[in-house]
């Protein structure tokens, strides 16, 4: 019984991942940086595939892969790296070098207005695995920020 449930969960996860990648191949609003193949950490896939709300948020959010972010940073493009991990985690666990701004996910609606004045700035959201980042990016988009992307896989994806 347990083996059957595990196999069904794996099939559902693979199916959800394939559906997600295929359904978003051309739908991102930022065509230059949109990712045609979405790669999400194993943990993120499990959370994403089981939660309809997170599925809808991730589908409506523009994402960026770590390799693409590295290219943008190497080019020296002007971007804001916004880490949405809790303050204690931001201070104790390495993230992406050069990330100076930390607004925890649970404070994004309040603190973004104070710290992110330019609603057209290029903002890359960083979280641990990409889920909180997707939620934060979605929230900022709903608040009127026009150029927000979530780092797929978060810090975990960046360090791989």
C-alpha atoms as a PDB file:
ATOM      1  CA  UNK A   1       0.000   0.000   0.000  1.00  0.00           C
ATOM      2  CA  UNK A   2       2.766   2.441   0.976  1.00  0.00           C
ATOM      3  CA  UNK A   3       4.714   1.599  -2.191  1.00  0.00           C
ATOM      4  CA  UNK A   4       1.600   2.226  -4.308  1.00  0.00           C
ATOM      5  CA  UNK A   5       1.029   5.623  -2.666  1.00  0.00           C
ATOM      6  CA  UNK A   6       4.686   6.565  -3.136  1.00  0.00           C
ATOM      7  CA  UNK A   7       4.535   5.576  -6.808  1.00  0.00           C
ATOM      8  CA  UNK A   8       1.328   7.575  -7.300  1.00  0.00           C
ATOM      9  CA  UNK A   9       2.878  10.627  -5.604  1.00  0.00           C
ATOM     10  CA  UNK A  10       5.933  10.357  -7.863  1.00  0.00           C
ATOM     11  CA  UNK A  11       3.774  10.073 -10.977  1.00  0.00           C
ATOM     12  CA  UNK A  12       1.712  13.092  -9.882  1.00  0.00           C
ATOM     13  CA  UNK A  13       4.863  15.111  -9.220  1.00  0.00           C
ATOM     14  CA  UNK A  14       6.377  14.247 -12.607  1.00  0.00           C
ATOM     15  CA  UNK A  15       3.085  14.998 -14.348  1.00  0.00           C
ATOM     16  CA  UNK A  16       2.669  18.327 -12.558  1.00  0.00           C
ATOM     17  CA  UNK A  17       6.241  19.322 -13.372  1.00  0.00           C
ATOM     18  CA  UNK A  18       5.838  18.460 -17.046  1.00  0.00           C
ATOM     19  CA  UNK A  19       2.505  20.284 -17.208  1.00  0.00           C
ATOM     20  CA  UNK A  20       4.024  23.325 -15.505  1.00  0.00           C
ATOM     21  CA  UNK A  21       7.007  23.439 -17.869  1.00  0.00           C
ATOM     22  CA  UNK A  22       4.896  22.902 -20.985  1.00  0.00           C
ATOM     23  CA  UNK A  23       2.139  25.331 -20.052  1.00  0.00           C
ATOM     24  CA  UNK A  24       4.598  28.147 -19.360  1.00  0.00           C
ATOM     25  CA  UNK A  25       6.959  27.805 -22.272  1.00  0.00           C
ATOM     26  CA  UNK A  26       5.825  31.036 -23.940  1.00  0.00           C
ATOM     27  CA  UNK A  27       3.540  32.787 -21.439  1.00  0.00           C
ATOM     28  CA  UNK A  28       5.968  34.882 -19.357  1.00  0.00           C
ATOM     29  CA  UNK A  29       5.609  38.630 -19.695  1.00  0.00           C
ATOM     30  CA  UNK A  30       9.369  39.221 -19.714  1.00  0.00           C
ATOM     31  CA  UNK A  31      10.221  37.313 -22.879  1.00  0.00           C
ATOM     32  CA  UNK A  32      13.935  38.155 -22.784  1.00  0.00           C
ATOM     33  CA  UNK A  33      14.481  36.533 -19.410  1.00  0.00           C
ATOM     34  CA  UNK A  34      11.609  34.079 -19.318  1.00  0.00           C
ATOM     35  CA  UNK A  35      12.640  30.516 -18.812  1.00  0.00           C
ATOM     36  CA  UNK A  36      11.352  27.922 -21.239  1.00  0.00           C
ATOM     37  CA  UNK A  37      12.274  25.039 -18.962  1.00  0.00           C
ATOM     38  CA  UNK A  38      11.390  25.475 -15.330  1.00  0.00           C
ATOM     39  CA  UNK A  39      13.711  23.616 -12.945  1.00  0.00           C
ATOM     40  CA  UNK A  40      12.547  23.517  -9.366  1.00  0.00           C
ATOM     41  CA  UNK A  41      14.180  21.784  -6.419  1.00  0.00           C
ATOM     42  CA  UNK A  42      12.797  18.399  -5.343  1.00  0.00           C
ATOM     43  CA  UNK A  43      11.265  19.927  -2.225  1.00  0.00           C
ATOM     44  CA  UNK A  44       9.714  22.744  -4.223  1.00  0.00           C
ATOM     45  CA  UNK A  45       8.225  20.294  -6.711  1.00  0.00           C
ATOM     46  CA  UNK A  46       6.584  18.384  -3.867  1.00  0.00           C
ATOM     47  CA  UNK A  47       5.106  21.544  -2.339  1.00  0.00           C
ATOM     48  CA  UNK A  48       4.118  22.952  -5.718  1.00  0.00           C
ATOM     49  CA  UNK A  49       2.462  19.775  -6.941  1.00  0.00           C
ATOM     50  CA  UNK A  50       0.322  19.321  -3.821  1.00  0.00           C
ATOM     51  CA  UNK A  51      -0.940  22.852  -3.243  1.00  0.00           C
ATOM     52  CA  UNK A  52      -3.400  24.328  -5.757  1.00  0.00           C
ATOM     53  CA  UNK A  53      -2.893  27.876  -4.451  1.00  0.00           C
ATOM     54  CA  UNK A  54       0.886  27.689  -4.832  1.00  0.00           C
ATOM     55  CA  UNK A  55       0.377  26.147  -8.286  1.00  0.00           C
ATOM     56  CA  UNK A  56      -1.680  29.150  -9.369  1.00  0.00           C
ATOM     57  CA  UNK A  57       0.805  31.628  -7.882  1.00  0.00           C
ATOM     58  CA  UNK A  58       3.778  29.952  -9.556  1.00  0.00           C
ATOM     59  CA  UNK A  59       1.903  29.897 -12.864  1.00  0.00           C
ATOM     60  CA  UNK A  60       1.223  33.645 -12.672  1.00  0.00           C
ATOM     61  CA  UNK A  61       4.772  34.582 -11.650  1.00  0.00           C
ATOM     62  CA  UNK A  62       7.778  35.230 -13.864  1.00  0.00           C
ATOM     63  CA  UNK A  63      10.795  33.150 -12.860  1.00  0.00           C
ATOM     64  CA  UNK A  64      14.491  33.164 -13.619  1.00  0.00           C
ATOM     65  CA  UNK A  65      16.986  30.298 -13.447  1.00  0.00           C
ATOM     66  CA  UNK A  66      20.262  30.633 -11.546  1.00  0.00           C
ATOM     67  CA  UNK A  67      22.394  30.421 -14.712  1.00  0.00           C
ATOM     68  CA  UNK A  68      20.457  33.300 -16.294  1.00  0.00           C
ATOM     69  CA  UNK A  69      20.785  35.399 -13.122  1.00  0.00           C
ATOM     70  CA  UNK A  70      24.552  34.780 -13.133  1.00  0.00           C
ATOM     71  CA  UNK A  71      24.714  36.050 -16.735  1.00  0.00           C
ATOM     72  CA  UNK A  72      22.815  39.202 -15.801  1.00  0.00           C
ATOM     73  CA  UNK A  73      25.044  39.804 -12.781  1.00  0.00           C
ATOM     74  CA  UNK A  74      28.223  39.180 -14.803  1.00  0.00           C
ATOM     75  CA  UNK A  75      27.043  41.723 -17.369  1.00  0.00           C
ATOM     76  CA  UNK A  76      26.613  44.246 -14.575  1.00  0.00           C
ATOM     77  CA  UNK A  77      22.942  44.954 -15.248  1.00  0.00           C
ATOM     78  CA  UNK A  78      21.253  47.070 -12.606  1.00  0.00           C
ATOM     79  CA  UNK A  79      19.113  44.739 -10.505  1.00  0.00           C
ATOM     80  CA  UNK A  80      17.832  44.608  -6.960  1.00  0.00           C
ATOM     81  CA  UNK A  81      18.381  41.273  -5.237  1.00  0.00           C
ATOM     82  CA  UNK A  82      15.647  41.011  -2.612  1.00  0.00           C
ATOM     83  CA  UNK A  83      16.056  38.170  -0.116  1.00  0.00           C
ATOM     84  CA  UNK A  84      12.732  37.250   1.486  1.00  0.00           C
ATOM     85  CA  UNK A  85      14.039  34.700   3.978  1.00  0.00           C
ATOM     86  CA  UNK A  86      13.452  35.420   7.695  1.00  0.00           C
ATOM     87  CA  UNK A  87      15.942  37.936   9.093  1.00  0.00           C
ATOM     88  CA  UNK A  88      17.711  35.351  11.269  1.00  0.00           C
ATOM     89  CA  UNK A  89      18.181  33.022   8.284  1.00  0.00           C
ATOM     90  CA  UNK A  90      19.358  35.916   6.072  1.00  0.00           C
ATOM     91  CA  UNK A  91      21.971  36.886   8.676  1.00  0.00           C
ATOM     92  CA  UNK A  92      23.188  33.375   9.523  1.00  0.00           C
ATOM     93  CA  UNK A  93      22.966  31.417   6.252  1.00  0.00           C
ATOM     94  CA  UNK A  94      24.842  32.554   3.132  1.00  0.00           C
ATOM     95  CA  UNK A  95      22.660  33.586   0.228  1.00  0.00           C
ATOM     96  CA  UNK A  96      23.743  35.335  -2.956  1.00  0.00           C
ATOM     97  CA  UNK A  97      26.788  37.553  -2.629  1.00  0.00           C
ATOM     98  CA  UNK A  98      25.847  41.192  -3.076  1.00  0.00           C
ATOM     99  CA  UNK A  99      22.327  40.845  -1.716  1.00  0.00           C
ATOM    100  CA  UNK A 100      21.906  43.784   0.621  1.00  0.00           C
ATOM    101  CA  UNK A 101      18.126  43.986   0.899  1.00  0.00           C
ATOM    102  CA  UNK A 102      16.171  41.668   3.151  1.00  0.00           C
ATOM    103  CA  UNK A 103      12.418  41.950   3.529  1.00  0.00           C
ATOM    104  CA  UNK A 104      11.029  38.759   5.076  1.00  0.00           C
ATOM    105  CA  UNK A 105       8.080  37.296   3.150  1.00  0.00           C
ATOM    106  CA  UNK A 106       5.682  38.033   6.006  1.00  0.00           C
ATOM    107  CA  UNK A 107       6.589  41.755   5.888  1.00  0.00           C
ATOM    108  CA  UNK A 108       6.628  42.254   2.106  1.00  0.00           C
ATOM    109  CA  UNK A 109       3.280  44.074   1.853  1.00  0.00           C
ATOM    110  CA  UNK A 110       4.310  46.621   4.501  1.00  0.00           C
ATOM    111  CA  UNK A 111       8.025  47.151   3.903  1.00  0.00           C
ATOM    112  CA  UNK A 112       8.115  47.077   0.090  1.00  0.00           C
ATOM    113  CA  UNK A 113       6.495  50.510  -0.138  1.00  0.00           C
ATOM    114  CA  UNK A 114       9.230  51.933   2.082  1.00  0.00           C
ATOM    115  CA  UNK A 115      12.263  50.130   0.605  1.00  0.00           C
ATOM    116  CA  UNK A 116      11.310  49.622  -3.046  1.00  0.00           C
ATOM    117  CA  UNK A 117      10.240  53.031  -4.286  1.00  0.00           C
ATOM    118  CA  UNK A 118      10.813  52.412  -8.023  1.00  0.00           C
ATOM    119  CA  UNK A 119       7.991  50.135  -9.164  1.00  0.00           C
ATOM    120  CA  UNK A 120       9.730  49.603 -12.527  1.00  0.00           C
ATOM    121  CA  UNK A 121      13.090  48.490 -11.072  1.00  0.00           C
ATOM    122  CA  UNK A 122      14.392  45.042 -12.021  1.00  0.00           C
ATOM    123  CA  UNK A 123      13.827  42.982  -8.862  1.00  0.00           C
ATOM    124  CA  UNK A 124      14.996  39.394  -8.411  1.00  0.00           C
ATOM    125  CA  UNK A 125      13.419  37.639  -5.429  1.00  0.00           C
ATOM    126  CA  UNK A 126      15.560  35.139  -3.506  1.00  0.00           C
ATOM    127  CA  UNK A 127      14.288  32.618  -0.958  1.00  0.00           C
ATOM    128  CA  UNK A 128      15.575  29.280   0.332  1.00  0.00           C
ATOM    129  CA  UNK A 129      13.996  27.004  -2.279  1.00  0.00           C
ATOM    130  CA  UNK A 130      11.887  29.298  -4.458  1.00  0.00           C
ATOM    131  CA  UNK A 131       8.432  28.856  -2.955  1.00  0.00           C
ATOM    132  CA  UNK A 132       8.432  31.901  -0.648  1.00  0.00           C
ATOM    133  CA  UNK A 133      10.134  33.774  -3.469  1.00  0.00           C
ATOM    134  CA  UNK A 134       7.289  32.910  -5.832  1.00  0.00           C
ATOM    135  CA  UNK A 135       4.746  34.069  -3.276  1.00  0.00           C
ATOM    136  CA  UNK A 136       6.653  37.324  -2.669  1.00  0.00           C
ATOM    137  CA  UNK A 137       7.088  37.982  -6.404  1.00  0.00           C
ATOM    138  CA  UNK A 138       3.377  37.401  -6.950  1.00  0.00           C
ATOM    139  CA  UNK A 139       2.561  39.818  -4.125  1.00  0.00           C
ATOM    140  CA  UNK A 140       4.855  42.518  -5.503  1.00  0.00           C
ATOM    141  CA  UNK A 141       3.313  42.104  -8.955  1.00  0.00           C
ATOM    142  CA  UNK A 142      -0.140  42.521  -7.411  1.00  0.00           C
ATOM    143  CA  UNK A 143       1.146  45.667  -5.663  1.00  0.00           C
ATOM    144  CA  UNK A 144       2.076  47.195  -9.029  1.00  0.00           C
ATOM    145  CA  UNK A 145       5.763  46.293  -9.401  1.00  0.00           C
ATOM    146  CA  UNK A 146       6.348  45.667 -13.085  1.00  0.00           C
ATOM    147  CA  UNK A 147       9.682  43.842 -13.392  1.00  0.00           C
ATOM    148  CA  UNK A 148       9.791  41.144 -10.707  1.00  0.00           C
ATOM    149  CA  UNK A 149      11.221  37.647 -11.133  1.00  0.00           C
ATOM    150  CA  UNK A 150      11.572  34.763  -8.707  1.00  0.00           C
ATOM    151  CA  UNK A 151      14.830  32.799  -8.577  1.00  0.00           C
ATOM    152  CA  UNK A 152      13.791  29.199  -9.241  1.00  0.00           C
ATOM    153  CA  UNK A 153      15.223  26.876  -6.617  1.00  0.00           C
ATOM    154  CA  UNK A 154      16.191  29.877  -4.466  1.00  0.00           C
ATOM    155  CA  UNK A 155      19.507  29.825  -2.646  1.00  0.00           C
ATOM    156  CA  UNK A 156      19.516  26.037  -2.971  1.00  0.00           C
ATOM    157  CA  UNK A 157      19.386  26.321  -6.769  1.00  0.00           C
ATOM    158  CA  UNK A 158      22.000  29.082  -6.774  1.00  0.00           C
ATOM    159  CA  UNK A 159      24.557  26.998  -4.875  1.00  0.00           C
ATOM    160  CA  UNK A 160      24.193  23.879  -7.073  1.00  0.00           C
END
